[in-house]
Amino acid sequence: MQESTSSVVRRLVVMRHSKAEATGPTDRERALAPRGHADAEEAGRWLREQGIDPDSALVSDALRTQETWASVAGGAGWDVEPDFSASLYAAGPDVAIDLIRETDGGVATLVVIGHNPTMAYVAELLDDGDGDADATTGLITRGFPTSGLAVFAVPGDWTTVGPGTCRLESFHVGDG
């Protein structure tokens, strides 16, 4: 008997880009600082250690998020072609969640890399409050600093993602 796709638990990683340079030709063209590359690589190694192996990535098209993705993927050893999204660059939480809902139903694990305050709001909105207590405490007390990431279990398909629908499994902030 084939398992229905609605009973599959998906994984969603919500991440804020890594530390960027203070200035650039434009905000969209700000590059990662050296510390940002190191922190993103460390985040990738941490994700690999957690068994996270995405089959899709939604990444803001800003230079710093593209570079974050490259360093995270390098640290994790992933070979996934990301979707660089102009919509995610300026998205508020509602638009970001709408973009997540548009994920193909065959995707089991999605990584989203964007900007604050949106990524912090998305993580807070999605949390159902019944996840890992330490992760919840970390999310509340540490905020969502650069390279911060939250890993959620998504119990339904991507179209069901919304406020209070995902279980926080872990929250990670590097030492950088």
N, C-alpha and C. Protein backbone atom coordinates (compact mmCIF):
# COMPACT_ATOMS: atom_id res chain seq x y z
N MET A 1 0.85 -1.19 0.00
CA MET A 1 0.00 0.00 0.00
C MET A 1 0.89 1.24 0.00
N GLN A 2 0.59 2.17 -0.87
CA GLN A 2 1.40 3.37 -0.99
C GLN A 2 0.97 4.40 0.06
N GLU A 3 1.96 5.01 0.70
CA GLU A 3 1.69 6.02 1.72
C GLU A 3 1.22 7.30 1.03
N SER A 4 0.18 7.92 1.54
CA SER A 4 -0.28 9.17 0.94
C SER A 4 0.69 10.28 1.28
N THR A 5 0.80 11.24 0.36
CA THR A 5 1.76 12.33 0.58
C THR A 5 1.36 13.20 1.76
N SER A 6 0.08 13.20 2.14
CA SER A 6 -0.33 14.04 3.26
C SER A 6 0.13 13.48 4.61
N SER A 7 0.49 12.18 4.66
CA SER A 7 0.93 11.60 5.92
C SER A 7 2.45 11.66 6.08
N VAL A 8 3.16 12.11 5.06
CA VAL A 8 4.61 12.25 5.12
C VAL A 8 4.94 13.51 5.93
N VAL A 9 5.89 13.37 6.86
CA VAL A 9 6.33 14.55 7.61
C VAL A 9 7.47 15.19 6.83
N ARG A 10 7.26 16.42 6.47
CA ARG A 10 8.26 17.17 5.73
C ARG A 10 9.11 17.97 6.70
N ARG A 11 10.25 18.45 6.23
CA ARG A 11 11.12 19.30 7.03
C ARG A 11 11.26 20.64 6.34
N LEU A 12 11.22 21.68 7.15
CA LEU A 12 11.40 23.05 6.68
C LEU A 12 12.49 23.69 7.52
N VAL A 13 13.51 24.22 6.85
CA VAL A 13 14.57 24.96 7.52
C VAL A 13 14.39 26.43 7.16
N VAL A 14 14.19 27.26 8.18
CA VAL A 14 14.06 28.71 7.99
C VAL A 14 15.35 29.33 8.51
N MET A 15 16.07 30.04 7.65
CA MET A 15 17.37 30.57 8.02
C MET A 15 17.50 32.04 7.62
N ARG A 16 18.13 32.80 8.51
CA ARG A 16 18.53 34.17 8.20
C ARG A 16 19.92 34.12 7.57
N HIS A 17 20.15 34.96 6.57
CA HIS A 17 21.47 35.00 5.93
C HIS A 17 22.56 35.23 6.97
N SER A 18 23.78 34.91 6.60
CA SER A 18 24.93 35.08 7.49
C SER A 18 25.39 36.54 7.50
N LYS A 19 26.37 36.82 8.36
CA LYS A 19 26.88 38.18 8.57
C LYS A 19 27.37 38.78 7.25
N ALA A 20 26.82 39.95 6.92
CA ALA A 20 27.17 40.62 5.67
C ALA A 20 28.02 41.86 5.94
N GLU A 21 28.67 42.31 4.89
CA GLU A 21 29.40 43.58 4.96
C GLU A 21 28.38 44.69 5.23
N ALA A 22 28.82 45.76 5.85
CA ALA A 22 27.92 46.86 6.22
C ALA A 22 27.40 47.61 5.01
N THR A 23 28.19 47.66 3.94
CA THR A 23 27.79 48.42 2.76
C THR A 23 28.06 47.62 1.51
N GLY A 24 27.45 48.07 0.44
CA GLY A 24 27.67 47.52 -0.89
C GLY A 24 27.16 48.54 -1.89
N PRO A 25 27.33 48.30 -3.19
CA PRO A 25 26.82 49.25 -4.18
C PRO A 25 25.33 49.55 -3.98
N THR A 26 24.57 48.50 -3.63
CA THR A 26 23.16 48.61 -3.23
C THR A 26 22.94 47.61 -2.11
N ASP A 27 21.82 47.70 -1.43
CA ASP A 27 21.53 46.73 -0.37
C ASP A 27 21.53 45.32 -0.94
N ARG A 28 20.94 45.14 -2.10
CA ARG A 28 20.84 43.81 -2.71
C ARG A 28 22.22 43.24 -3.06
N GLU A 29 23.20 44.13 -3.24
CA GLU A 29 24.55 43.70 -3.65
C GLU A 29 25.54 43.61 -2.48
N ARG A 30 25.05 43.68 -1.25
CA ARG A 30 25.96 43.51 -0.10
C ARG A 30 26.44 42.07 -0.03
N ALA A 31 27.74 41.89 0.08
CA ALA A 31 28.35 40.56 0.14
C ALA A 31 28.47 40.10 1.58
N LEU A 32 28.73 38.81 1.76
CA LEU A 32 29.01 38.30 3.09
C LEU A 32 30.37 38.77 3.57
N ALA A 33 30.46 39.00 4.85
CA ALA A 33 31.74 39.27 5.49
C ALA A 33 32.46 37.92 5.64
N PRO A 34 33.79 37.94 5.84
CA PRO A 34 34.50 36.66 6.04
C PRO A 34 33.87 35.81 7.15
N ARG A 35 33.48 36.44 8.26
CA ARG A 35 32.82 35.70 9.34
C ARG A 35 31.52 35.06 8.85
N GLY A 36 30.80 35.74 7.96
CA GLY A 36 29.56 35.20 7.42
C GLY A 36 29.77 33.90 6.67
N HIS A 37 30.83 33.86 5.85
CA HIS A 37 31.12 32.61 5.13
C HIS A 37 31.43 31.48 6.11
N ALA A 38 32.25 31.76 7.12
CA ALA A 38 32.61 30.74 8.11
C ALA A 38 31.38 30.27 8.89
N ASP A 39 30.53 31.22 9.30
CA ASP A 39 29.32 30.85 10.06
C ASP A 39 28.37 30.01 9.21
N ALA A 40 28.24 30.36 7.93
CA ALA A 40 27.34 29.62 7.04
C ALA A 40 27.87 28.20 6.81
N GLU A 41 29.18 28.06 6.64
CA GLU A 41 29.75 26.72 6.49
C GLU A 41 29.51 25.89 7.74
N GLU A 42 29.66 26.51 8.92
CA GLU A 42 29.41 25.81 10.18
C GLU A 42 27.94 25.40 10.27
N ALA A 43 27.04 26.27 9.85
CA ALA A 43 25.61 25.94 9.85
C ALA A 43 25.34 24.75 8.93
N GLY A 44 25.99 24.72 7.80
CA GLY A 44 25.84 23.59 6.88
C GLY A 44 26.32 22.28 7.50
N ARG A 45 27.46 22.32 8.19
CA ARG A 45 27.95 21.12 8.86
C ARG A 45 26.97 20.67 9.94
N TRP A 46 26.42 21.64 10.69
CA TRP A 46 25.45 21.31 11.74
C TRP A 46 24.21 20.66 11.13
N LEU A 47 23.71 21.22 10.04
CA LEU A 47 22.53 20.65 9.38
C LEU A 47 22.81 19.23 8.90
N ARG A 48 23.99 19.01 8.33
CA ARG A 48 24.35 17.65 7.89
C ARG A 48 24.35 16.70 9.08
N GLU A 49 24.91 17.13 10.22
CA GLU A 49 24.94 16.29 11.42
C GLU A 49 23.53 15.97 11.92
N GLN A 50 22.56 16.85 11.64
CA GLN A 50 21.17 16.62 12.04
C GLN A 50 20.43 15.73 11.04
N GLY A 51 21.10 15.36 9.97
CA GLY A 51 20.46 14.52 8.95
C GLY A 51 19.60 15.29 7.98
N ILE A 52 19.77 16.59 7.92
CA ILE A 52 18.98 17.41 6.99
C ILE A 52 19.61 17.32 5.60
N ASP A 53 18.84 16.88 4.63
CA ASP A 53 19.29 16.72 3.25
C ASP A 53 18.19 17.23 2.33
N PRO A 54 18.21 18.52 2.02
CA PRO A 54 17.10 19.11 1.27
C PRO A 54 17.05 18.66 -0.18
N ASP A 55 15.83 18.65 -0.71
CA ASP A 55 15.68 18.44 -2.13
C ASP A 55 15.24 19.71 -2.83
N SER A 56 15.10 20.80 -2.07
CA SER A 56 14.76 22.09 -2.67
C SER A 56 15.23 23.21 -1.74
N ALA A 57 15.55 24.35 -2.35
CA ALA A 57 15.96 25.53 -1.59
C ALA A 57 15.35 26.77 -2.22
N LEU A 58 14.78 27.61 -1.38
CA LEU A 58 14.23 28.89 -1.79
C LEU A 58 15.09 29.96 -1.12
N VAL A 59 15.77 30.77 -1.94
CA VAL A 59 16.76 31.71 -1.44
C VAL A 59 16.50 33.08 -2.05
N SER A 60 16.50 34.10 -1.20
CA SER A 60 16.39 35.46 -1.71
C SER A 60 17.48 35.68 -2.75
N ASP A 61 17.18 36.52 -3.75
CA ASP A 61 18.17 36.76 -4.81
C ASP A 61 19.22 37.80 -4.44
N ALA A 62 19.24 38.29 -3.20
CA ALA A 62 20.28 39.22 -2.77
C ALA A 62 21.62 38.47 -2.73
N LEU A 63 22.70 39.20 -2.97
CA LEU A 63 24.03 38.58 -2.99
C LEU A 63 24.35 37.87 -1.68
N ARG A 64 24.04 38.49 -0.53
CA ARG A 64 24.40 37.88 0.75
C ARG A 64 23.65 36.58 1.02
N THR A 65 22.42 36.46 0.53
CA THR A 65 21.70 35.20 0.72
C THR A 65 22.20 34.14 -0.25
N GLN A 66 22.53 34.55 -1.47
CA GLN A 66 23.11 33.60 -2.43
C GLN A 66 24.44 33.05 -1.90
N GLU A 67 25.27 33.94 -1.33
CA GLU A 67 26.54 33.50 -0.77
C GLU A 67 26.33 32.64 0.48
N THR A 68 25.32 32.98 1.27
CA THR A 68 25.00 32.14 2.43
C THR A 68 24.65 30.74 1.96
N TRP A 69 23.77 30.65 0.96
CA TRP A 69 23.40 29.33 0.44
C TRP A 69 24.63 28.57 -0.02
N ALA A 70 25.50 29.20 -0.79
CA ALA A 70 26.69 28.52 -1.32
C ALA A 70 27.55 27.98 -0.18
N SER A 71 27.74 28.76 0.87
CA SER A 71 28.58 28.32 2.00
C SER A 71 27.88 27.24 2.83
N VAL A 72 26.57 27.38 3.06
CA VAL A 72 25.82 26.34 3.79
C VAL A 72 25.88 25.03 3.00
N ALA A 73 25.57 25.10 1.71
CA ALA A 73 25.58 23.89 0.88
C ALA A 73 26.97 23.27 0.84
N GLY A 74 28.00 24.10 0.77
CA GLY A 74 29.37 23.59 0.78
C GLY A 74 29.70 22.90 2.09
N GLY A 75 29.32 23.51 3.20
CA GLY A 75 29.56 22.92 4.51
C GLY A 75 28.81 21.62 4.72
N ALA A 76 27.62 21.53 4.13
CA ALA A 76 26.78 20.34 4.29
C ALA A 76 27.08 19.26 3.24
N GLY A 77 27.75 19.66 2.16
CA GLY A 77 27.99 18.71 1.07
C GLY A 77 26.76 18.48 0.21
N TRP A 78 25.88 19.48 0.12
CA TRP A 78 24.66 19.36 -0.68
C TRP A 78 24.94 19.74 -2.13
N ASP A 79 24.19 19.13 -3.03
CA ASP A 79 24.25 19.46 -4.45
C ASP A 79 22.82 19.72 -4.93
N VAL A 80 22.25 20.82 -4.42
CA VAL A 80 20.88 21.19 -4.76
C VAL A 80 20.93 22.54 -5.47
N GLU A 81 20.24 22.63 -6.59
CA GLU A 81 20.16 23.90 -7.32
C GLU A 81 19.07 24.76 -6.68
N PRO A 82 19.44 25.90 -6.08
CA PRO A 82 18.44 26.72 -5.39
C PRO A 82 17.58 27.52 -6.36
N ASP A 83 16.42 27.91 -5.87
CA ASP A 83 15.55 28.85 -6.58
C ASP A 83 15.82 30.22 -5.97
N PHE A 84 16.52 31.09 -6.71
CA PHE A 84 16.79 32.44 -6.24
C PHE A 84 15.56 33.30 -6.53
N SER A 85 14.97 33.84 -5.46
CA SER A 85 13.67 34.50 -5.56
C SER A 85 13.76 36.00 -5.30
N ALA A 86 13.39 36.79 -6.30
CA ALA A 86 13.28 38.24 -6.10
C ALA A 86 12.13 38.54 -5.14
N SER A 87 11.09 37.73 -5.15
CA SER A 87 9.94 37.94 -4.27
C SER A 87 10.32 37.78 -2.80
N LEU A 88 11.23 36.85 -2.50
CA LEU A 88 11.62 36.62 -1.12
C LEU A 88 12.47 37.76 -0.57
N TYR A 89 13.19 38.47 -1.45
CA TYR A 89 14.07 39.55 -1.01
C TYR A 89 13.31 40.59 -0.18
N ALA A 90 12.16 41.04 -0.65
CA ALA A 90 11.41 42.09 0.04
C ALA A 90 10.15 41.56 0.73
N ALA A 91 10.04 40.25 0.84
CA ALA A 91 8.81 39.65 1.37
C ALA A 91 8.62 39.92 2.86
N GLY A 92 7.38 40.18 3.22
CA GLY A 92 6.98 40.17 4.61
C GLY A 92 6.63 38.73 4.97
N PRO A 93 6.27 38.47 6.21
CA PRO A 93 5.98 37.09 6.64
C PRO A 93 4.87 36.41 5.83
N ASP A 94 3.79 37.13 5.52
CA ASP A 94 2.69 36.51 4.79
C ASP A 94 3.12 36.06 3.39
N VAL A 95 3.87 36.91 2.70
CA VAL A 95 4.35 36.56 1.36
C VAL A 95 5.34 35.40 1.44
N ALA A 96 6.23 35.43 2.43
CA ALA A 96 7.20 34.34 2.59
C ALA A 96 6.48 33.01 2.82
N ILE A 97 5.46 33.01 3.65
CA ILE A 97 4.69 31.78 3.89
C ILE A 97 3.96 31.36 2.62
N ASP A 98 3.43 32.32 1.86
CA ASP A 98 2.79 31.98 0.58
C ASP A 98 3.80 31.31 -0.36
N LEU A 99 5.04 31.82 -0.39
CA LEU A 99 6.07 31.22 -1.25
C LEU A 99 6.37 29.78 -0.80
N ILE A 100 6.40 29.53 0.50
CA ILE A 100 6.61 28.18 1.02
C ILE A 100 5.45 27.27 0.59
N ARG A 101 4.24 27.79 0.65
CA ARG A 101 3.05 27.01 0.28
C ARG A 101 3.08 26.59 -1.19
N GLU A 102 3.81 27.33 -2.01
CA GLU A 102 3.90 27.01 -3.45
C GLU A 102 4.91 25.91 -3.76
N THR A 103 5.58 25.38 -2.74
CA THR A 103 6.57 24.33 -2.94
C THR A 103 5.93 23.09 -3.54
N ASP A 104 6.61 22.48 -4.48
CA ASP A 104 6.12 21.27 -5.13
C ASP A 104 5.84 20.18 -4.09
N GLY A 105 4.74 19.48 -4.25
CA GLY A 105 4.33 18.45 -3.31
C GLY A 105 5.31 17.29 -3.17
N GLY A 106 6.18 17.09 -4.14
CA GLY A 106 7.17 16.03 -4.07
C GLY A 106 8.38 16.36 -3.22
N VAL A 107 8.50 17.61 -2.79
CA VAL A 107 9.64 18.04 -1.98
C VAL A 107 9.44 17.59 -0.54
N ALA A 108 10.44 16.88 0.00
CA ALA A 108 10.37 16.41 1.38
C ALA A 108 11.02 17.39 2.35
N THR A 109 12.10 18.04 1.92
CA THR A 109 12.83 18.97 2.79
C THR A 109 13.16 20.23 2.01
N LEU A 110 12.75 21.36 2.57
CA LEU A 110 12.95 22.67 1.95
C LEU A 110 13.78 23.54 2.87
N VAL A 111 14.79 24.20 2.31
CA VAL A 111 15.56 25.21 3.02
C VAL A 111 15.17 26.57 2.46
N VAL A 112 14.84 27.51 3.36
CA VAL A 112 14.50 28.88 2.96
C VAL A 112 15.52 29.81 3.63
N ILE A 113 16.20 30.63 2.82
CA ILE A 113 17.17 31.58 3.35
C ILE A 113 16.74 32.98 2.92
N GLY A 114 16.49 33.82 3.93
CA GLY A 114 16.03 35.17 3.65
C GLY A 114 16.58 36.16 4.66
N HIS A 115 15.81 37.18 4.91
CA HIS A 115 16.25 38.34 5.68
C HIS A 115 15.37 38.55 6.91
N ASN A 116 15.92 39.25 7.88
CA ASN A 116 15.13 39.69 9.03
C ASN A 116 14.57 41.07 8.74
N PRO A 117 13.44 41.40 9.33
CA PRO A 117 12.76 40.64 10.38
C PRO A 117 11.88 39.49 9.88
N THR A 118 11.77 39.32 8.57
CA THR A 118 10.84 38.33 8.03
C THR A 118 11.12 36.91 8.50
N MET A 119 12.37 36.46 8.46
CA MET A 119 12.66 35.07 8.83
C MET A 119 12.31 34.82 10.29
N ALA A 120 12.59 35.79 11.17
CA ALA A 120 12.23 35.64 12.59
C ALA A 120 10.72 35.54 12.75
N TYR A 121 9.99 36.41 12.06
CA TYR A 121 8.53 36.38 12.16
C TYR A 121 7.97 35.07 11.63
N VAL A 122 8.51 34.59 10.50
CA VAL A 122 8.03 33.33 9.93
C VAL A 122 8.24 32.19 10.94
N ALA A 123 9.43 32.13 11.53
CA ALA A 123 9.71 31.07 12.51
C ALA A 123 8.75 31.15 13.69
N GLU A 124 8.51 32.34 14.19
CA GLU A 124 7.59 32.50 15.32
C GLU A 124 6.17 32.16 14.94
N LEU A 125 5.74 32.57 13.75
CA LEU A 125 4.38 32.30 13.31
C LEU A 125 4.11 30.82 13.10
N LEU A 126 5.05 30.13 12.49
CA LEU A 126 4.83 28.72 12.15
C LEU A 126 4.81 27.81 13.36
N ASP A 127 5.53 28.16 14.41
CA ASP A 127 5.69 27.32 15.59
C ASP A 127 4.34 27.01 16.23
N ASP A 128 4.07 25.70 16.41
CA ASP A 128 2.80 25.29 17.03
C ASP A 128 2.86 25.29 18.55
N GLY A 129 4.04 25.57 19.12
CA GLY A 129 4.19 25.64 20.57
C GLY A 129 4.39 24.31 21.26
N ASP A 130 4.37 23.21 20.49
CA ASP A 130 4.51 21.88 21.08
C ASP A 130 5.83 21.21 20.72
N GLY A 131 6.77 21.97 20.20
CA GLY A 131 8.05 21.39 19.77
C GLY A 131 9.05 21.26 20.90
N ASP A 132 10.30 21.12 20.52
CA ASP A 132 11.40 20.96 21.46
C ASP A 132 11.51 22.18 22.37
N ALA A 133 11.45 21.95 23.68
CA ALA A 133 11.45 23.06 24.65
C ALA A 133 12.74 23.88 24.59
N ASP A 134 13.88 23.22 24.45
CA ASP A 134 15.15 23.96 24.37
C ASP A 134 15.20 24.81 23.10
N ALA A 135 14.71 24.27 21.99
CA ALA A 135 14.69 25.03 20.74
C ALA A 135 13.79 26.25 20.88
N THR A 136 12.63 26.07 21.49
CA THR A 136 11.71 27.19 21.69
C THR A 136 12.34 28.25 22.58
N THR A 137 12.98 27.83 23.66
CA THR A 137 13.66 28.78 24.55
C THR A 137 14.74 29.53 23.79
N GLY A 138 15.53 28.82 22.97
CA GLY A 138 16.57 29.46 22.18
C GLY A 138 16.01 30.48 21.21
N LEU A 139 14.93 30.13 20.56
CA LEU A 139 14.30 31.03 19.60
C LEU A 139 13.80 32.29 20.29
N ILE A 140 13.23 32.13 21.47
CA ILE A 140 12.68 33.27 22.21
C ILE A 140 13.78 34.13 22.80
N THR A 141 14.80 33.50 23.40
CA THR A 141 15.81 34.27 24.12
C THR A 141 16.93 34.80 23.24
N ARG A 142 17.25 34.11 22.16
CA ARG A 142 18.37 34.54 21.32
C ARG A 142 17.92 35.38 20.15
N GLY A 143 16.64 35.41 19.88
CA GLY A 143 16.18 36.12 18.70
C GLY A 143 16.56 35.31 17.46
N PHE A 144 16.76 35.99 16.35
CA PHE A 144 17.09 35.31 15.11
C PHE A 144 18.28 36.02 14.49
N PRO A 145 19.48 35.82 15.09
CA PRO A 145 20.68 36.52 14.60
C PRO A 145 21.12 35.99 13.24
N THR A 146 22.10 36.66 12.64
CA THR A 146 22.63 36.16 11.38
C THR A 146 23.06 34.71 11.55
N SER A 147 22.83 33.92 10.53
CA SER A 147 23.08 32.48 10.49
C SER A 147 22.18 31.68 11.41
N GLY A 148 21.22 32.32 12.07
CA GLY A 148 20.26 31.60 12.89
C GLY A 148 19.36 30.76 12.01
N LEU A 149 19.00 29.56 12.49
CA LEU A 149 18.11 28.72 11.71
C LEU A 149 17.21 27.90 12.61
N ALA A 150 16.02 27.67 12.12
CA ALA A 150 15.03 26.86 12.82
C ALA A 150 14.61 25.72 11.91
N VAL A 151 14.55 24.52 12.48
CA VAL A 151 14.13 23.34 11.73
C VAL A 151 12.76 22.92 12.22
N PHE A 152 11.82 22.82 11.30
CA PHE A 152 10.44 22.48 11.63
C PHE A 152 10.03 21.17 10.97
N ALA A 153 9.16 20.43 11.64
CA ALA A 153 8.44 19.32 11.03
C ALA A 153 7.13 19.91 10.49
N VAL A 154 6.84 19.59 9.25
CA VAL A 154 5.61 20.05 8.60
C VAL A 154 4.72 18.82 8.44
N PRO A 155 3.66 18.71 9.23
CA PRO A 155 2.88 17.48 9.25
C PRO A 155 2.01 17.23 8.02
N GLY A 156 1.66 18.26 7.30
CA GLY A 156 0.83 18.09 6.11
C GLY A 156 1.64 18.37 4.86
N ASP A 157 0.94 18.67 3.76
CA ASP A 157 1.72 19.06 2.60
C ASP A 157 1.98 20.56 2.67
N TRP A 158 2.76 21.06 1.74
CA TRP A 158 3.23 22.45 1.81
C TRP A 158 2.09 23.45 1.78
N THR A 159 0.98 23.09 1.15
CA THR A 159 -0.15 24.03 1.08
C THR A 159 -0.79 24.28 2.43
N THR A 160 -0.51 23.40 3.42
CA THR A 160 -1.11 23.56 4.75
C THR A 160 -0.27 24.40 5.70
N VAL A 161 0.91 24.83 5.25
CA VAL A 161 1.80 25.62 6.11
C VAL A 161 1.14 26.96 6.43
N GLY A 162 1.12 27.29 7.70
CA GLY A 162 0.54 28.55 8.14
C GLY A 162 0.82 28.75 9.62
N PRO A 163 0.28 29.80 10.19
CA PRO A 163 0.51 30.06 11.62
C PRO A 163 0.12 28.87 12.49
N GLY A 164 1.05 28.46 13.35
CA GLY A 164 0.79 27.39 14.30
C GLY A 164 0.69 26.00 13.73
N THR A 165 1.20 25.77 12.51
CA THR A 165 1.02 24.47 11.88
C THR A 165 2.27 23.59 11.87
N CYS A 166 3.41 24.12 12.30
CA CYS A 166 4.66 23.37 12.20
C CYS A 166 5.28 23.20 13.59
N ARG A 167 5.93 22.06 13.78
CA ARG A 167 6.55 21.76 15.08
C ARG A 167 8.04 22.08 15.03
N LEU A 168 8.48 22.96 15.92
CA LEU A 168 9.89 23.32 16.01
C LEU A 168 10.68 22.14 16.56
N GLU A 169 11.61 21.62 15.76
CA GLU A 169 12.45 20.49 16.19
C GLU A 169 13.78 20.95 16.75
N SER A 170 14.36 21.99 16.16
CA SER A 170 15.64 22.48 16.65
C SER A 170 15.85 23.92 16.19
N PHE A 171 16.69 24.61 16.96
CA PHE A 171 17.07 25.98 16.67
C PHE A 171 18.57 26.06 16.87
N HIS A 172 19.24 26.67 15.92
CA HIS A 172 20.71 26.69 15.96
C HIS A 172 21.24 28.09 15.63
N VAL A 173 22.17 28.52 16.45
CA VAL A 173 22.94 29.73 16.20
C VAL A 173 24.40 29.36 16.43
N GLY A 174 25.24 29.65 15.46
CA GLY A 174 26.66 29.32 15.59
C GLY A 174 27.33 30.17 16.66
N ASP A 175 28.58 29.89 16.87
CA ASP A 175 29.36 30.59 17.89
C ASP A 175 29.98 31.88 17.39
N GLY A 176 29.86 32.16 16.07
CA GLY A 176 30.53 33.30 15.47
C GLY A 176 30.06 34.64 15.92
